[in-house]
Amino acid sequence: MPRFSIDDIFIDPDEFLEACSNKELSETFEQLQENYGFASDEEKEVDETRSEGHRIFLKNLRVLRENWLGITKEDAQIIDVLGKKYGAV
């Protein structure tokens, strides 16, 4: 049986991730969060909130983003107007 050292084996991270199923990717991300302190952008935002109002605002934005397919045309127009008002394209 051949023996390998860590230095003998190289797996490109992109190749590894592309070979993973969605379930395996979720498990990998959970492991990175639990064991190595990686956090999603949403979790970082919550950690950096200035107030309860700011936390609620960020949560509302996240919910809108997650449900964008169900947003009505009128609601999308309101969001566009608000975005443009504050500098979005």
C-alpha atoms as a PDB file:
ATOM      1  CA  MET A   1       0.000   0.000   0.000  1.00  0.00           C
ATOM      2  CA  PRO A   2       1.553   3.331  -0.986  1.00  0.00           C
ATOM      3  CA  ARG A   3       2.035   6.012   1.629  1.00  0.00           C
ATOM      4  CA  PHE A   4       1.322   9.648   1.029  1.00  0.00           C
ATOM      5  CA  SER A   5       2.212  12.713   2.993  1.00  0.00           C
ATOM      6  CA  ILE A   6       0.191  15.909   3.037  1.00  0.00           C
ATOM      7  CA  ASP A   7       2.857  17.501   0.842  1.00  0.00           C
ATOM      8  CA  ASP A   8       2.320  14.824  -1.849  1.00  0.00           C
ATOM      9  CA  ILE A   9      -1.374  15.590  -2.311  1.00  0.00           C
ATOM     10  CA  PHE A  10      -2.725  18.857  -3.680  1.00  0.00           C
ATOM     11  CA  ILE A  11      -6.413  19.447  -4.252  1.00  0.00           C
ATOM     12  CA  ASP A  12      -7.393  22.720  -5.871  1.00  0.00           C
ATOM     13  CA  PRO A  13     -10.095  24.344  -3.708  1.00  0.00           C
ATOM     14  CA  ASP A  14     -12.193  25.198  -6.775  1.00  0.00           C
ATOM     15  CA  GLU A  15     -12.094  21.598  -7.995  1.00  0.00           C
ATOM     16  CA  PHE A  16     -13.057  20.361  -4.532  1.00  0.00           C
ATOM     17  CA  LEU A  17     -15.996  22.756  -4.209  1.00  0.00           C
ATOM     18  CA  GLU A  18     -17.254  22.070  -7.732  1.00  0.00           C
ATOM     19  CA  ALA A  19     -17.272  18.340  -6.977  1.00  0.00           C
ATOM     20  CA  CYS A  20     -19.397  18.826  -3.837  1.00  0.00           C
ATOM     21  CA  SER A  21     -23.167  18.494  -3.730  1.00  0.00           C
ATOM     22  CA  ASN A  22     -25.271  21.267  -2.196  1.00  0.00           C
ATOM     23  CA  LYS A  23     -25.546  19.227   1.010  1.00  0.00           C
ATOM     24  CA  GLU A  24     -21.767  18.757   1.145  1.00  0.00           C
ATOM     25  CA  LEU A  25     -21.217  22.476   0.536  1.00  0.00           C
ATOM     26  CA  SER A  26     -23.589  23.311   3.399  1.00  0.00           C
ATOM     27  CA  GLU A  27     -21.778  20.883   5.691  1.00  0.00           C
ATOM     28  CA  THR A  28     -18.401  22.342   4.679  1.00  0.00           C
ATOM     29  CA  PHE A  29     -19.605  25.873   5.391  1.00  0.00           C
ATOM     30  CA  GLU A  30     -21.019  24.792   8.774  1.00  0.00           C
ATOM     31  CA  GLN A  31     -17.656  23.246   9.653  1.00  0.00           C
ATOM     32  CA  LEU A  32     -15.843  26.440   8.668  1.00  0.00           C
ATOM     33  CA  GLN A  33     -18.208  28.468  10.848  1.00  0.00           C
ATOM     34  CA  GLU A  34     -18.038  26.170  13.877  1.00  0.00           C
ATOM     35  CA  ASN A  35     -14.368  25.236  13.822  1.00  0.00           C
ATOM     36  CA  TYR A  36     -12.601  28.143  12.147  1.00  0.00           C
ATOM     37  CA  GLY A  37     -14.662  31.226  12.984  1.00  0.00           C
ATOM     38  CA  PHE A  38     -15.875  31.975   9.466  1.00  0.00           C
ATOM     39  CA  ALA A  39     -19.177  33.833   9.362  1.00  0.00           C
ATOM     40  CA  SER A  40     -21.551  34.836   6.603  1.00  0.00           C
ATOM     41  CA  ASP A  41     -21.922  38.494   5.674  1.00  0.00           C
ATOM     42  CA  GLU A  42     -25.284  38.570   7.441  1.00  0.00           C
ATOM     43  CA  GLU A  43     -23.756  37.291  10.676  1.00  0.00           C
ATOM     44  CA  LYS A  44     -20.938  39.838  10.447  1.00  0.00           C
ATOM     45  CA  GLU A  45     -23.496  42.596   9.883  1.00  0.00           C
ATOM     46  CA  VAL A  46     -25.442  41.540  12.973  1.00  0.00           C
ATOM     47  CA  ASP A  47     -22.243  41.568  15.031  1.00  0.00           C
ATOM     48  CA  GLU A  48     -21.457  45.089  13.820  1.00  0.00           C
ATOM     49  CA  THR A  49     -24.882  46.637  14.403  1.00  0.00           C
ATOM     50  CA  ARG A  50     -25.022  49.983  16.135  1.00  0.00           C
ATOM     51  CA  SER A  51     -28.489  49.642  17.616  1.00  0.00           C
ATOM     52  CA  GLU A  52     -31.603  47.492  17.727  1.00  0.00           C
ATOM     53  CA  GLY A  53     -33.100  49.608  14.940  1.00  0.00           C
ATOM     54  CA  HIS A  54     -30.029  48.965  12.791  1.00  0.00           C
ATOM     55  CA  ARG A  55     -30.281  45.205  13.441  1.00  0.00           C
ATOM     56  CA  ILE A  56     -33.964  45.205  12.439  1.00  0.00           C
ATOM     57  CA  PHE A  57     -33.178  47.222   9.300  1.00  0.00           C
ATOM     58  CA  LEU A  58     -30.476  44.712   8.237  1.00  0.00           C
ATOM     59  CA  LYS A  59     -32.802  41.776   8.938  1.00  0.00           C
ATOM     60  CA  ASN A  60     -35.539  43.383   6.827  1.00  0.00           C
ATOM     61  CA  LEU A  61     -33.111  43.893   3.939  1.00  0.00           C
ATOM     62  CA  ARG A  62     -32.019  40.258   4.168  1.00  0.00           C
ATOM     63  CA  VAL A  63     -35.649  39.072   4.109  1.00  0.00           C
ATOM     64  CA  LEU A  64     -36.401  41.238   1.067  1.00  0.00           C
ATOM     65  CA  ARG A  65     -33.354  39.836  -0.726  1.00  0.00           C
ATOM     66  CA  GLU A  66     -34.328  36.238   0.072  1.00  0.00           C
ATOM     67  CA  ASN A  67     -37.876  36.774  -1.199  1.00  0.00           C
ATOM     68  CA  TRP A  68     -37.242  38.942  -4.224  1.00  0.00           C
ATOM     69  CA  LEU A  69     -39.137  36.606  -6.567  1.00  0.00           C
ATOM     70  CA  GLY A  70     -42.346  37.210  -4.593  1.00  0.00           C
ATOM     71  CA  ILE A  71     -42.068  40.995  -4.427  1.00  0.00           C
ATOM     72  CA  THR A  72     -44.831  42.806  -6.316  1.00  0.00           C
ATOM     73  CA  LYS A  73     -44.099  45.212  -9.133  1.00  0.00           C
ATOM     74  CA  GLU A  74     -45.235  48.103  -6.938  1.00  0.00           C
ATOM     75  CA  ASP A  75     -42.942  47.059  -4.084  1.00  0.00           C
ATOM     76  CA  ALA A  76     -40.035  46.674  -6.515  1.00  0.00           C
ATOM     77  CA  GLN A  77     -40.656  50.217  -7.751  1.00  0.00           C
ATOM     78  CA  ILE A  78     -40.605  51.536  -4.170  1.00  0.00           C
ATOM     79  CA  ILE A  79     -37.306  49.737  -3.543  1.00  0.00           C
ATOM     80  CA  ASP A  80     -35.886  51.170  -6.791  1.00  0.00           C
ATOM     81  CA  VAL A  81     -36.896  54.709  -5.800  1.00  0.00           C
ATOM     82  CA  LEU A  82     -35.329  54.303  -2.354  1.00  0.00           C
ATOM     83  CA  GLY A  83     -32.154  52.847  -3.837  1.00  0.00           C
ATOM     84  CA  LYS A  84     -31.796  55.687  -6.335  1.00  0.00           C
ATOM     85  CA  LYS A  85     -32.487  58.235  -3.599  1.00  0.00           C
ATOM     86  CA  TYR A  86     -29.483  56.920  -1.665  1.00  0.00           C
ATOM     87  CA  GLY A  87     -27.072  56.478  -4.566  1.00  0.00           C
ATOM     88  CA  ALA A  88     -27.868  53.154  -6.244  1.00  0.00           C
ATOM     89  CA  VAL A  89     -27.800  52.916 -10.027  1.00  0.00           C
END
